[in-house]
């Protein structure tokens, strides 16, 4: 958590259920809890979270989360492959409406 190149902006509802969020159980904490339970049960788990960007956006549109586990008996364990949208109040973070075209465009650095 100290390498800034390994951090991405994440909305509250993306990370955990929150009042007003329409994401329901499709949040990062829900899947992280499943991974933790699999590890506690003795599984060897390969866990990966990858931010997904669109165009030159500086804020991810969401996160691809995957986890694959093998039980102590050698059988397939946990299997997760989901996309968690990065939205706040039904709007994707890092976007605003251009007043000339009324189209959503990314905010932040464009270099």
PDB file of N, CA and C in Angstrom:
ATOM      1  N   UNK A   1       0.782  -1.211   0.000  1.00  0.00           N
ATOM      2  CA  UNK A   1       0.000   0.000   0.000  1.00  0.00           C
ATOM      3  C   UNK A   1       0.817   1.266   0.000  1.00  0.00           C
ATOM      4  N   UNK A   2       2.134   1.162  -0.107  1.00  0.00           N
ATOM      5  CA  UNK A   2       2.945   2.388  -0.082  1.00  0.00           C
ATOM      6  C   UNK A   2       3.456   2.778  -1.464  1.00  0.00           C
ATOM      7  N   UNK A   3       3.339   1.913  -2.463  1.00  0.00           N
ATOM      8  CA  UNK A   3       3.769   2.237  -3.816  1.00  0.00           C
ATOM      9  C   UNK A   3       2.611   2.936  -4.528  1.00  0.00           C
ATOM     10  N   UNK A   4       2.744   4.241  -4.756  1.00  0.00           N
ATOM     11  CA  UNK A   4       1.660   5.016  -5.352  1.00  0.00           C
ATOM     12  C   UNK A   4       1.315   4.560  -6.771  1.00  0.00           C
ATOM     13  N   UNK A   5       2.230   3.890  -7.453  1.00  0.00           N
ATOM     14  CA  UNK A   5       1.944   3.366  -8.788  1.00  0.00           C
ATOM     15  C   UNK A   5       1.002   2.171  -8.719  1.00  0.00           C
ATOM     16  N   UNK A   6       0.773   1.654  -7.524  1.00  0.00           N
ATOM     17  CA  UNK A   6      -0.075   0.482  -7.343  1.00  0.00           C
ATOM     18  C   UNK A   6      -1.406   0.841  -6.680  1.00  0.00           C
ATOM     19  N   UNK A   7      -1.787   2.118  -6.725  1.00  0.00           N
ATOM     20  CA  UNK A   7      -3.036   2.572  -6.125  1.00  0.00           C
ATOM     21  C   UNK A   7      -3.938   3.157  -7.198  1.00  0.00           C
ATOM     22  N   UNK A   8      -5.252   2.990  -7.038  1.00  0.00           N
ATOM     23  CA  UNK A   8      -6.215   3.539  -7.985  1.00  0.00           C
ATOM     24  C   UNK A   8      -7.398   4.114  -7.213  1.00  0.00           C
ATOM     25  N   UNK A   9      -7.980   5.177  -7.741  1.00  0.00           N
ATOM     26  CA  UNK A   9      -9.139   5.814  -7.122  1.00  0.00           C
ATOM     27  C   UNK A   9     -10.340   4.883  -7.187  1.00  0.00           C
ATOM     28  N   UNK A  10     -10.988   4.726  -6.037  1.00  0.00           N
ATOM     29  CA  UNK A  10     -12.098   3.786  -5.921  1.00  0.00           C
ATOM     30  C   UNK A  10     -13.248   4.440  -5.157  1.00  0.00           C
ATOM     31  N   UNK A  11     -14.453   4.380  -5.696  1.00  0.00           N
ATOM     32  CA  UNK A  11     -15.634   4.927  -5.016  1.00  0.00           C
ATOM     33  C   UNK A  11     -15.984   4.084  -3.804  1.00  0.00           C
ATOM     34  N   UNK A  12     -16.633   4.696  -2.844  1.00  0.00           N
ATOM     35  CA  UNK A  12     -17.030   4.009  -1.614  1.00  0.00           C
ATOM     36  C   UNK A  12     -17.874   2.778  -1.917  1.00  0.00           C
ATOM     37  N   UNK A  13     -18.862   2.886  -2.812  1.00  0.00           N
ATOM     38  CA  UNK A  13     -19.724   1.757  -3.148  1.00  0.00           C
ATOM     39  C   UNK A  13     -19.013   0.668  -3.919  1.00  0.00           C
ATOM     40  N   UNK A  14     -17.926   1.009  -4.579  1.00  0.00           N
ATOM     41  CA  UNK A  14     -17.120   0.016  -5.287  1.00  0.00           C
ATOM     42  C   UNK A  14     -16.371  -0.838  -4.278  1.00  0.00           C
ATOM     43  N   UNK A  15     -15.881  -0.196  -3.229  1.00  0.00           N
ATOM     44  CA  UNK A  15     -15.086  -0.880  -2.217  1.00  0.00           C
ATOM     45  C   UNK A  15     -15.940  -1.680  -1.240  1.00  0.00           C
ATOM     46  N   UNK A  16     -17.076  -1.132  -0.837  1.00  0.00           N
ATOM     47  CA  UNK A  16     -17.926  -1.784   0.162  1.00  0.00           C
ATOM     48  C   UNK A  16     -19.349  -1.284  -0.025  1.00  0.00           C
ATOM     49  N   UNK A  17     -20.318  -2.073   0.415  1.00  0.00           N
ATOM     50  CA  UNK A  17     -21.709  -1.639   0.319  1.00  0.00           C
ATOM     51  C   UNK A  17     -21.875  -0.341   1.088  1.00  0.00           C
ATOM     52  N   UNK A  18     -22.625   0.610   0.520  1.00  0.00           N
ATOM     53  CA  UNK A  18     -22.919   1.849   1.216  1.00  0.00           C
ATOM     54  C   UNK A  18     -24.324   2.303   0.865  1.00  0.00           C
ATOM     55  N   UNK A  19     -24.919   3.068   1.762  1.00  0.00           N
ATOM     56  CA  UNK A  19     -26.256   3.591   1.549  1.00  0.00           C
ATOM     57  C   UNK A  19     -26.293   4.388   0.257  1.00  0.00           C
ATOM     58  N   UNK A  20     -27.279   4.150  -0.568  1.00  0.00           N
ATOM     59  CA  UNK A  20     -27.425   4.853  -1.829  1.00  0.00           C
ATOM     60  C   UNK A  20     -26.736   4.166  -2.996  1.00  0.00           C
ATOM     61  N   UNK A  21     -25.869   3.215  -2.718  1.00  0.00           N
ATOM     62  CA  UNK A  21     -25.181   2.498  -3.788  1.00  0.00           C
ATOM     63  C   UNK A  21     -26.119   1.447  -4.369  1.00  0.00           C
ATOM     64  N   UNK A  22     -26.157   1.368  -5.678  1.00  0.00           N
ATOM     65  CA  UNK A  22     -26.993   0.372  -6.340  1.00  0.00           C
ATOM     66  C   UNK A  22     -26.198  -0.869  -6.719  1.00  0.00           C
ATOM     67  N   UNK A  23     -24.936  -0.940  -6.284  1.00  0.00           N
ATOM     68  CA  UNK A  23     -24.089  -2.067  -6.649  1.00  0.00           C
ATOM     69  C   UNK A  23     -24.388  -3.308  -5.834  1.00  0.00           C
ATOM     70  N   UNK A  24     -25.054  -3.153  -4.710  1.00  0.00           N
ATOM     71  CA  UNK A  24     -25.392  -4.310  -3.891  1.00  0.00           C
ATOM     72  C   UNK A  24     -24.167  -5.094  -3.468  1.00  0.00           C
ATOM     73  N   UNK A  25     -24.212  -6.411  -3.669  1.00  0.00           N
ATOM     74  CA  UNK A  25     -23.099  -7.272  -3.265  1.00  0.00           C
ATOM     75  C   UNK A  25     -21.936  -7.250  -4.253  1.00  0.00           C
ATOM     76  N   UNK A  26     -22.089  -6.570  -5.390  1.00  0.00           N
ATOM     77  CA  UNK A  26     -21.003  -6.503  -6.365  1.00  0.00           C
ATOM     78  C   UNK A  26     -20.020  -5.395  -5.969  1.00  0.00           C
ATOM     79  N   UNK A  27     -19.359  -5.639  -4.829  1.00  0.00           N
ATOM     80  CA  UNK A  27     -18.349  -4.703  -4.344  1.00  0.00           C
ATOM     81  C   UNK A  27     -17.102  -5.484  -3.950  1.00  0.00           C
ATOM     82  N   UNK A  28     -15.995  -4.787  -3.867  1.00  0.00           N
ATOM     83  CA  UNK A  28     -14.715  -5.443  -3.631  1.00  0.00           C
ATOM     84  C   UNK A  28     -14.660  -6.175  -2.287  1.00  0.00           C
ATOM     85  N   UNK A  29     -15.222  -5.583  -1.258  1.00  0.00           N
ATOM     86  CA  UNK A  29     -15.155  -6.208   0.068  1.00  0.00           C
ATOM     87  C   UNK A  29     -15.837  -7.570   0.077  1.00  0.00           C
ATOM     88  N   UNK A  30     -16.953  -7.705  -0.608  1.00  0.00           N
ATOM     89  CA  UNK A  30     -17.666  -8.979  -0.670  1.00  0.00           C
ATOM     90  C   UNK A  30     -16.747 -10.079  -1.216  1.00  0.00           C
ATOM     91  N   UNK A  31     -16.040  -9.788  -2.298  1.00  0.00           N
ATOM     92  CA  UNK A  31     -15.154 -10.788  -2.896  1.00  0.00           C
ATOM     93  C   UNK A  31     -13.901 -11.002  -2.045  1.00  0.00           C
ATOM     94  N   UNK A  32     -13.401  -9.931  -1.428  1.00  0.00           N
ATOM     95  CA  UNK A  32     -12.235 -10.061  -0.551  1.00  0.00           C
ATOM     96  C   UNK A  32     -12.543 -10.963   0.644  1.00  0.00           C
ATOM     97  N   UNK A  33     -13.774 -10.875   1.163  1.00  0.00           N
ATOM     98  CA  UNK A  33     -14.176 -11.740   2.276  1.00  0.00           C
ATOM     99  C   UNK A  33     -14.211 -13.205   1.835  1.00  0.00           C
ATOM    100  N   UNK A  34     -14.659 -13.462   0.615  1.00  0.00           N
ATOM    101  CA  UNK A  34     -14.686 -14.828   0.097  1.00  0.00           C
ATOM    102  C   UNK A  34     -13.271 -15.386  -0.051  1.00  0.00           C
ATOM    103  N   UNK A  35     -12.343 -14.537  -0.524  1.00  0.00           N
ATOM    104  CA  UNK A  35     -10.947 -14.952  -0.667  1.00  0.00           C
ATOM    105  C   UNK A  35     -10.349 -15.247   0.705  1.00  0.00           C
ATOM    106  N   UNK A  36     -10.614 -14.373   1.682  1.00  0.00           N
ATOM    107  CA  UNK A  36     -10.091 -14.573   3.039  1.00  0.00           C
ATOM    108  C   UNK A  36     -10.602 -15.889   3.628  1.00  0.00           C
ATOM    109  N   UNK A  37     -11.881 -16.186   3.405  1.00  0.00           N
ATOM    110  CA  UNK A  37     -12.451 -17.437   3.919  1.00  0.00           C
ATOM    111  C   UNK A  37     -11.783 -18.651   3.265  1.00  0.00           C
ATOM    112  N   UNK A  38     -11.503 -18.559   1.976  1.00  0.00           N
ATOM    113  CA  UNK A  38     -10.846 -19.665   1.276  1.00  0.00           C
ATOM    114  C   UNK A  38      -9.431 -19.890   1.813  1.00  0.00           C
ATOM    115  N   UNK A  39      -8.706 -18.807   2.068  1.00  0.00           N
ATOM    116  CA  UNK A  39      -7.348 -18.921   2.612  1.00  0.00           C
ATOM    117  C   UNK A  39      -7.398 -19.518   4.018  1.00  0.00           C
ATOM    118  N   UNK A  40      -8.348 -19.062   4.830  1.00  0.00           N
ATOM    119  CA  UNK A  40      -8.492 -19.605   6.193  1.00  0.00           C
ATOM    120  C   UNK A  40      -8.839 -21.086   6.178  1.00  0.00           C
ATOM    121  N   UNK A  41      -9.518 -21.523   5.110  1.00  0.00           N
ATOM    122  CA  UNK A  41      -9.887 -22.936   4.984  1.00  0.00           C
ATOM    123  C   UNK A  41      -8.723 -23.773   4.444  1.00  0.00           C
ATOM    124  N   UNK A  42      -7.577 -23.131   4.214  1.00  0.00           N
ATOM    125  CA  UNK A  42      -6.395 -23.873   3.788  1.00  0.00           C
ATOM    126  C   UNK A  42      -6.125 -23.876   2.293  1.00  0.00           C
ATOM    127  N   UNK A  43      -6.913 -23.143   1.524  1.00  0.00           N
ATOM    128  CA  UNK A  43      -6.686 -23.120   0.084  1.00  0.00           C
ATOM    129  C   UNK A  43      -5.454 -22.276  -0.266  1.00  0.00           C
ATOM    130  N   UNK A  44      -4.761 -22.688  -1.311  1.00  0.00           N
ATOM    131  CA  UNK A  44      -3.744 -21.849  -1.940  1.00  0.00           C
ATOM    132  C   UNK A  44      -4.484 -21.031  -2.989  1.00  0.00           C
ATOM    133  N   UNK A  45      -4.447 -19.702  -2.863  1.00  0.00           N
ATOM    134  CA  UNK A  45      -5.264 -18.842  -3.722  1.00  0.00           C
ATOM    135  C   UNK A  45      -4.388 -17.869  -4.507  1.00  0.00           C
ATOM    136  N   UNK A  46      -4.624 -17.827  -5.799  1.00  0.00           N
ATOM    137  CA  UNK A  46      -4.035 -16.786  -6.648  1.00  0.00           C
ATOM    138  C   UNK A  46      -5.100 -15.706  -6.757  1.00  0.00           C
ATOM    139  N   UNK A  47      -4.786 -14.502  -6.270  1.00  0.00           N
ATOM    140  CA  UNK A  47      -5.749 -13.395  -6.194  1.00  0.00           C
ATOM    141  C   UNK A  47      -5.184 -12.203  -6.945  1.00  0.00           C
ATOM    142  N   UNK A  48      -6.018 -11.587  -7.782  1.00  0.00           N
ATOM    143  CA  UNK A  48      -5.540 -10.460  -8.577  1.00  0.00           C
ATOM    144  C   UNK A  48      -6.659  -9.448  -8.777  1.00  0.00           C
ATOM    145  N   UNK A  49      -6.318  -8.168  -8.657  1.00  0.00           N
ATOM    146  CA  UNK A  49      -7.251  -7.080  -8.939  1.00  0.00           C
ATOM    147  C   UNK A  49      -6.568  -6.152  -9.938  1.00  0.00           C
ATOM    148  N   UNK A  50      -7.242  -5.913 -11.070  1.00  0.00           N
ATOM    149  CA  UNK A  50      -6.663  -5.090 -12.127  1.00  0.00           C
ATOM    150  C   UNK A  50      -7.617  -3.947 -12.453  1.00  0.00           C
ATOM    151  N   UNK A  51      -7.165  -2.697 -12.319  1.00  0.00           N
ATOM    152  CA  UNK A  51      -8.021  -1.570 -12.717  1.00  0.00           C
ATOM    153  C   UNK A  51      -8.176  -1.540 -14.227  1.00  0.00           C
ATOM    154  N   UNK A  52      -9.368  -1.189 -14.688  1.00  0.00           N
ATOM    155  CA  UNK A  52      -9.641  -1.078 -16.121  1.00  0.00           C
ATOM    156  C   UNK A  52      -9.953   0.381 -16.451  1.00  0.00           C
ATOM    157  N   UNK A  53      -9.251   0.897 -17.446  1.00  0.00           N
ATOM    158  CA  UNK A  53      -9.402   2.290 -17.854  1.00  0.00           C
ATOM    159  C   UNK A  53     -10.059   2.356 -19.221  1.00  0.00           C
ATOM    160  N   UNK A  54     -10.613   3.508 -19.556  1.00  0.00           N
ATOM    161  CA  UNK A  54     -11.206   3.740 -20.861  1.00  0.00           C
ATOM    162  C   UNK A  54     -10.556   4.978 -21.466  1.00  0.00           C
ATOM    163  N   UNK A  55      -9.968   4.813 -22.628  1.00  0.00           N
ATOM    164  CA  UNK A  55      -9.328   5.949 -23.292  1.00  0.00           C
ATOM    165  C   UNK A  55      -8.218   6.542 -22.444  1.00  0.00           C
ATOM    166  N   UNK A  56      -8.213   7.860 -22.328  1.00  0.00           N
ATOM    167  CA  UNK A  56      -7.179   8.546 -21.567  1.00  0.00           C
ATOM    168  C   UNK A  56      -7.623   8.873 -20.145  1.00  0.00           C
ATOM    169  N   UNK A  57      -8.628   8.191 -19.660  1.00  0.00           N
ATOM    170  CA  UNK A  57      -9.127   8.451 -18.307  1.00  0.00           C
ATOM    171  C   UNK A  57      -8.034   8.217 -17.276  1.00  0.00           C
ATOM    172  N   UNK A  58      -8.089   9.003 -16.213  1.00  0.00           N
ATOM    173  CA  UNK A  58      -7.125   8.853 -15.126  1.00  0.00           C
ATOM    174  C   UNK A  58      -7.730   8.098 -13.944  1.00  0.00           C
ATOM    175  N   UNK A  59      -9.017   7.844 -14.002  1.00  0.00           N
ATOM    176  CA  UNK A  59      -9.718   7.094 -12.953  1.00  0.00           C
ATOM    177  C   UNK A  59     -10.289   5.837 -13.596  1.00  0.00           C
ATOM    178  N   UNK A  60     -10.101   4.667 -12.992  1.00  0.00           N
ATOM    179  CA  UNK A  60     -10.613   3.426 -13.601  1.00  0.00           C
ATOM    180  C   UNK A  60     -12.133   3.424 -13.713  1.00  0.00           C
ATOM    181  N   UNK A  61     -12.640   2.791 -14.770  1.00  0.00           N
ATOM    182  CA  UNK A  61     -14.086   2.611 -14.908  1.00  0.00           C
ATOM    183  C   UNK A  61     -14.549   1.447 -14.040  1.00  0.00           C
ATOM    184  N   UNK A  62     -13.614   0.628 -13.597  1.00  0.00           N
ATOM    185  CA  UNK A  62     -13.932  -0.503 -12.734  1.00  0.00           C
ATOM    186  C   UNK A  62     -12.701  -1.350 -12.502  1.00  0.00           C
ATOM    187  N   UNK A  63     -12.913  -2.480 -11.852  1.00  0.00           N
ATOM    188  CA  UNK A  63     -11.820  -3.363 -11.469  1.00  0.00           C
ATOM    189  C   UNK A  63     -12.178  -4.807 -11.804  1.00  0.00           C
ATOM    190  N   UNK A  64     -11.282  -5.496 -12.501  1.00  0.00           N
ATOM    191  CA  UNK A  64     -11.438  -6.927 -12.752  1.00  0.00           C
ATOM    192  C   UNK A  64     -10.830  -7.647 -11.552  1.00  0.00           C
ATOM    193  N   UNK A  65     -11.625  -8.461 -10.885  1.00  0.00           N
ATOM    194  CA  UNK A  65     -11.166  -9.216  -9.722  1.00  0.00           C
ATOM    195  C   UNK A  65     -11.209 -10.698 -10.057  1.00  0.00           C
ATOM    196  N   UNK A  66     -10.106 -11.376  -9.781  1.00  0.00           N
ATOM    197  CA  UNK A  66     -10.090 -12.816 -10.012  1.00  0.00           C
ATOM    198  C   UNK A  66      -9.394 -13.514  -8.849  1.00  0.00           C
ATOM    199  N   UNK A  67      -9.879 -14.682  -8.529  1.00  0.00           N
ATOM    200  CA  UNK A  67      -9.284 -15.518  -7.488  1.00  0.00           C
ATOM    201  C   UNK A  67      -9.535 -16.975  -7.856  1.00  0.00           C
ATOM    202  N   UNK A  68      -8.467 -17.754  -7.808  1.00  0.00           N
ATOM    203  CA  UNK A  68      -8.569 -19.185  -8.103  1.00  0.00           C
ATOM    204  C   UNK A  68      -7.821 -19.936  -7.023  1.00  0.00           C
ATOM    205  N   UNK A  69      -8.487 -20.920  -6.423  1.00  0.00           N
ATOM    206  CA  UNK A  69      -7.877 -21.639  -5.325  1.00  0.00           C
ATOM    207  C   UNK A  69      -7.832 -23.137  -5.538  1.00  0.00           C
ATOM    208  N   UNK A  70      -6.897 -23.756  -4.817  1.00  0.00           N
ATOM    209  CA  UNK A  70      -6.770 -25.210  -4.775  1.00  0.00           C
ATOM    210  C   UNK A  70      -6.892 -25.627  -3.313  1.00  0.00           C
ATOM    211  N   UNK A  71      -7.772 -26.552  -3.028  1.00  0.00           N
ATOM    212  CA  UNK A  71      -7.990 -27.014  -1.657  1.00  0.00           C
ATOM    213  C   UNK A  71      -6.814 -27.881  -1.206  1.00  0.00           C
ATOM    214  N   UNK A  72      -6.701 -28.129   0.111  1.00  0.00           N
ATOM    215  CA  UNK A  72      -5.639 -29.017   0.601  1.00  0.00           C
ATOM    216  C   UNK A  72      -5.709 -30.419  -0.015  1.00  0.00           C
ATOM    217  N   UNK A  73      -6.905 -30.838  -0.451  1.00  0.00           N
ATOM    218  CA  UNK A  73      -7.068 -32.154  -1.073  1.00  0.00           C
ATOM    219  C   UNK A  73      -6.672 -32.141  -2.550  1.00  0.00           C
ATOM    220  N   UNK A  74      -6.352 -30.947  -3.084  1.00  0.00           N
ATOM    221  CA  UNK A  74      -5.933 -30.843  -4.475  1.00  0.00           C
ATOM    222  C   UNK A  74      -7.051 -30.592  -5.464  1.00  0.00           C
ATOM    223  N   UNK A  75      -8.255 -30.357  -4.964  1.00  0.00           N
ATOM    224  CA  UNK A  75      -9.379 -30.080  -5.856  1.00  0.00           C
ATOM    225  C   UNK A  75      -9.539 -28.570  -6.044  1.00  0.00           C
ATOM    226  N   UNK A  76     -10.307 -28.219  -7.070  1.00  0.00           N
ATOM    227  CA  UNK A  76     -10.571 -26.811  -7.345  1.00  0.00           C
ATOM    228  C   UNK A  76     -11.328 -26.185  -6.182  1.00  0.00           C
ATOM    229  N   UNK A  77     -10.863 -25.040  -5.755  1.00  0.00           N
ATOM    230  CA  UNK A  77     -11.505 -24.325  -4.658  1.00  0.00           C
ATOM    231  C   UNK A  77     -12.242 -23.099  -5.166  1.00  0.00           C
ATOM    232  N   UNK A  78     -11.981 -21.973  -4.534  1.00  0.00           N
ATOM    233  CA  UNK A  78     -12.644 -20.726  -4.884  1.00  0.00           C
ATOM    234  C   UNK A  78     -12.380 -20.371  -6.348  1.00  0.00           C
ATOM    235  N   UNK A  79     -13.382 -19.827  -6.993  1.00  0.00           N
ATOM    236  CA  UNK A  79     -13.245 -19.397  -8.378  1.00  0.00           C
ATOM    237  C   UNK A  79     -14.074 -18.129  -8.562  1.00  0.00           C
ATOM    238  N   UNK A  80     -13.382 -17.015  -8.693  1.00  0.00           N
ATOM    239  CA  UNK A  80     -14.038 -15.717  -8.865  1.00  0.00           C
ATOM    240  C   UNK A  80     -13.438 -15.046 -10.089  1.00  0.00           C
ATOM    241  N   UNK A  81     -14.286 -14.502 -10.940  1.00  0.00           N
ATOM    242  CA  UNK A  81     -13.848 -13.700 -12.082  1.00  0.00           C
ATOM    243  C   UNK A  81     -14.966 -12.700 -12.358  1.00  0.00           C
ATOM    244  N   UNK A  82     -14.847 -11.503 -11.783  1.00  0.00           N
ATOM    245  CA  UNK A  82     -15.923 -10.515 -11.852  1.00  0.00           C
ATOM    246  C   UNK A  82     -15.374  -9.143 -12.232  1.00  0.00           C
ATOM    247  N   UNK A  83     -16.264  -8.294 -12.698  1.00  0.00           N
ATOM    248  CA  UNK A  83     -15.950  -6.887 -12.940  1.00  0.00           C
ATOM    249  C   UNK A  83     -16.774  -6.060 -11.967  1.00  0.00           C
ATOM    250  N   UNK A  84     -16.107  -5.221 -11.192  1.00  0.00           N
ATOM    251  CA  UNK A  84     -16.784  -4.342 -10.241  1.00  0.00           C
ATOM    252  C   UNK A  84     -16.697  -2.925 -10.795  1.00  0.00           C
ATOM    253  N   UNK A  85     -17.844  -2.355 -11.141  1.00  0.00           N
ATOM    254  CA  UNK A  85     -17.903  -1.016 -11.708  1.00  0.00           C
ATOM    255  C   UNK A  85     -17.499   0.031 -10.668  1.00  0.00           C
ATOM    256  N   UNK A  86     -16.812   1.059 -11.095  1.00  0.00           N
ATOM    257  CA  UNK A  86     -16.351   2.131 -10.215  1.00  0.00           C
ATOM    258  C   UNK A  86     -17.269   3.335 -10.382  1.00  0.00           C
ATOM    259  N   UNK A  87     -18.431   3.283  -9.725  1.00  0.00           N
ATOM    260  CA  UNK A  87     -19.419   4.345  -9.881  1.00  0.00           C
ATOM    261  C   UNK A  87     -19.766   4.968  -8.539  1.00  0.00           C
ATOM    262  N   UNK A  88     -20.226   6.198  -8.619  1.00  0.00           N
ATOM    263  CA  UNK A  88     -20.690   6.938  -7.451  1.00  0.00           C
ATOM    264  C   UNK A  88     -21.972   7.638  -7.856  1.00  0.00           C
ATOM    265  N   UNK A  89     -23.056   7.344  -7.163  1.00  0.00           N
ATOM    266  CA  UNK A  89     -24.370   7.920  -7.481  1.00  0.00           C
ATOM    267  C   UNK A  89     -24.717   7.686  -8.955  1.00  0.00           C
ATOM    268  N   UNK A  90     -24.503   6.447  -9.411  1.00  0.00           N
ATOM    269  CA  UNK A  90     -24.818   6.017 -10.779  1.00  0.00           C
ATOM    270  C   UNK A  90     -23.993   6.708 -11.849  1.00  0.00           C
ATOM    271  N   UNK A  91     -22.957   7.429 -11.461  1.00  0.00           N
ATOM    272  CA  UNK A  91     -22.052   8.046 -12.438  1.00  0.00           C
ATOM    273  C   UNK A  91     -20.680   7.440 -12.263  1.00  0.00           C
ATOM    274  N   UNK A  92     -20.022   7.199 -13.367  1.00  0.00           N
ATOM    275  CA  UNK A  92     -18.674   6.687 -13.296  1.00  0.00           C
ATOM    276  C   UNK A  92     -17.760   7.805 -12.827  1.00  0.00           C
ATOM    277  N   UNK A  93     -16.856   7.488 -11.910  1.00  0.00           N
ATOM    278  CA  UNK A  93     -15.935   8.497 -11.397  1.00  0.00           C
ATOM    279  C   UNK A  93     -15.040   9.023 -12.506  1.00  0.00           C
ATOM    280  N   UNK A  94     -14.623  10.268 -12.375  1.00  0.00           N
ATOM    281  CA  UNK A  94     -13.681  10.845 -13.318  1.00  0.00           C
ATOM    282  C   UNK A  94     -14.313  11.344 -14.595  1.00  0.00           C
ATOM    283  N   UNK A  95     -15.630  11.507 -14.623  1.00  0.00           N
ATOM    284  CA  UNK A  95     -16.299  11.992 -15.822  1.00  0.00           C
ATOM    285  C   UNK A  95     -17.114  13.230 -15.482  1.00  0.00           C
ATOM    286  N   UNK A  96     -17.250  14.114 -16.461  1.00  0.00           N
ATOM    287  CA  UNK A  96     -18.193  15.208 -16.316  1.00  0.00           C
ATOM    288  C   UNK A  96     -18.764  15.503 -17.691  1.00  0.00           C
ATOM    289  N   UNK A  97     -19.896  16.203 -17.729  1.00  0.00           N
ATOM    290  CA  UNK A  97     -20.539  16.509 -18.999  1.00  0.00           C
ATOM    291  C   UNK A  97     -19.949  17.790 -19.583  1.00  0.00           C
ATOM    292  N   UNK A  98     -19.457  17.710 -20.820  1.00  0.00           N
ATOM    293  CA  UNK A  98     -18.961  18.875 -21.536  1.00  0.00           C
ATOM    294  C   UNK A  98     -20.152  19.773 -21.837  1.00  0.00           C
ATOM    295  N   UNK A  99     -20.072  21.018 -21.426  1.00  0.00           N
ATOM    296  CA  UNK A  99     -21.228  21.906 -21.601  1.00  0.00           C
ATOM    297  C   UNK A  99     -21.502  22.244 -23.062  1.00  0.00           C
ATOM    298  N   UNK A 100     -20.526  22.041 -23.947  1.00  0.00           N
ATOM    299  CA  UNK A 100     -20.736  22.330 -25.367  1.00  0.00           C
ATOM    300  C   UNK A 100     -21.381  21.163 -26.107  1.00  0.00           C
ATOM    301  N   UNK A 101     -21.033  19.936 -25.718  1.00  0.00           N
ATOM    302  CA  UNK A 101     -21.539  18.764 -26.434  1.00  0.00           C
ATOM    303  C   UNK A 101     -22.486  17.916 -25.596  1.00  0.00           C
ATOM    304  N   UNK A 102     -22.532  18.157 -24.286  1.00  0.00           N
ATOM    305  CA  UNK A 102     -23.304  17.386 -23.321  1.00  0.00           C
ATOM    306  C   UNK A 102     -22.870  15.923 -23.280  1.00  0.00           C
ATOM    307  N   UNK A 103     -21.655  15.638 -23.753  1.00  0.00           N
ATOM    308  CA  UNK A 103     -21.091  14.287 -23.694  1.00  0.00           C
ATOM    309  C   UNK A 103     -20.220  14.169 -22.456  1.00  0.00           C
ATOM    310  N   UNK A 104     -20.144  12.947 -21.895  1.00  0.00           N
ATOM    311  CA  UNK A 104     -19.264  12.721 -20.768  1.00  0.00           C
ATOM    312  C   UNK A 104     -17.836  12.654 -21.252  1.00  0.00           C
ATOM    313  N   UNK A 105     -16.954  13.366 -20.550  1.00  0.00           N
ATOM    314  CA  UNK A 105     -15.542  13.343 -20.874  1.00  0.00           C
ATOM    315  C   UNK A 105     -14.756  13.148 -19.586  1.00  0.00           C
ATOM    316  N   UNK A 106     -13.546  12.597 -19.689  1.00  0.00           N
ATOM    317  CA  UNK A 106     -12.769  12.328 -18.470  1.00  0.00           C
ATOM    318  C   UNK A 106     -12.237  13.603 -17.833  1.00  0.00           C
ATOM    319  N   UNK A 107     -12.103  13.577 -16.523  1.00  0.00           N
ATOM    320  CA  UNK A 107     -11.475  14.668 -15.806  1.00  0.00           C
ATOM    321  C   UNK A 107     -10.081  14.232 -15.418  1.00  0.00           C
ATOM    322  N   UNK A 108      -9.306  15.139 -14.927  1.00  0.00           N
ATOM    323  CA  UNK A 108      -7.954  14.813 -14.490  1.00  0.00           C
ATOM    324  C   UNK A 108      -6.957  15.066 -15.589  1.00  0.00           C
ATOM    325  N   UNK A 109      -5.752  14.626 -15.366  1.00  0.00           N
ATOM    326  CA  UNK A 109      -4.662  14.859 -16.308  1.00  0.00           C
ATOM    327  C   UNK A 109      -4.933  14.193 -17.640  1.00  0.00           C
ATOM    328  N   UNK A 110      -4.655  14.881 -18.695  1.00  0.00           N
ATOM    329  CA  UNK A 110      -4.863  14.335 -20.033  1.00  0.00           C
ATOM    330  C   UNK A 110      -3.546  14.083 -20.738  1.00  0.00           C
ATOM    331  N   UNK A 111      -2.436  14.155 -20.020  1.00  0.00           N
ATOM    332  CA  UNK A 111      -1.132  13.944 -20.662  1.00  0.00           C
ATOM    333  C   UNK A 111      -0.744  12.501 -20.639  1.00  0.00           C
TER     334      UNK A 111
END
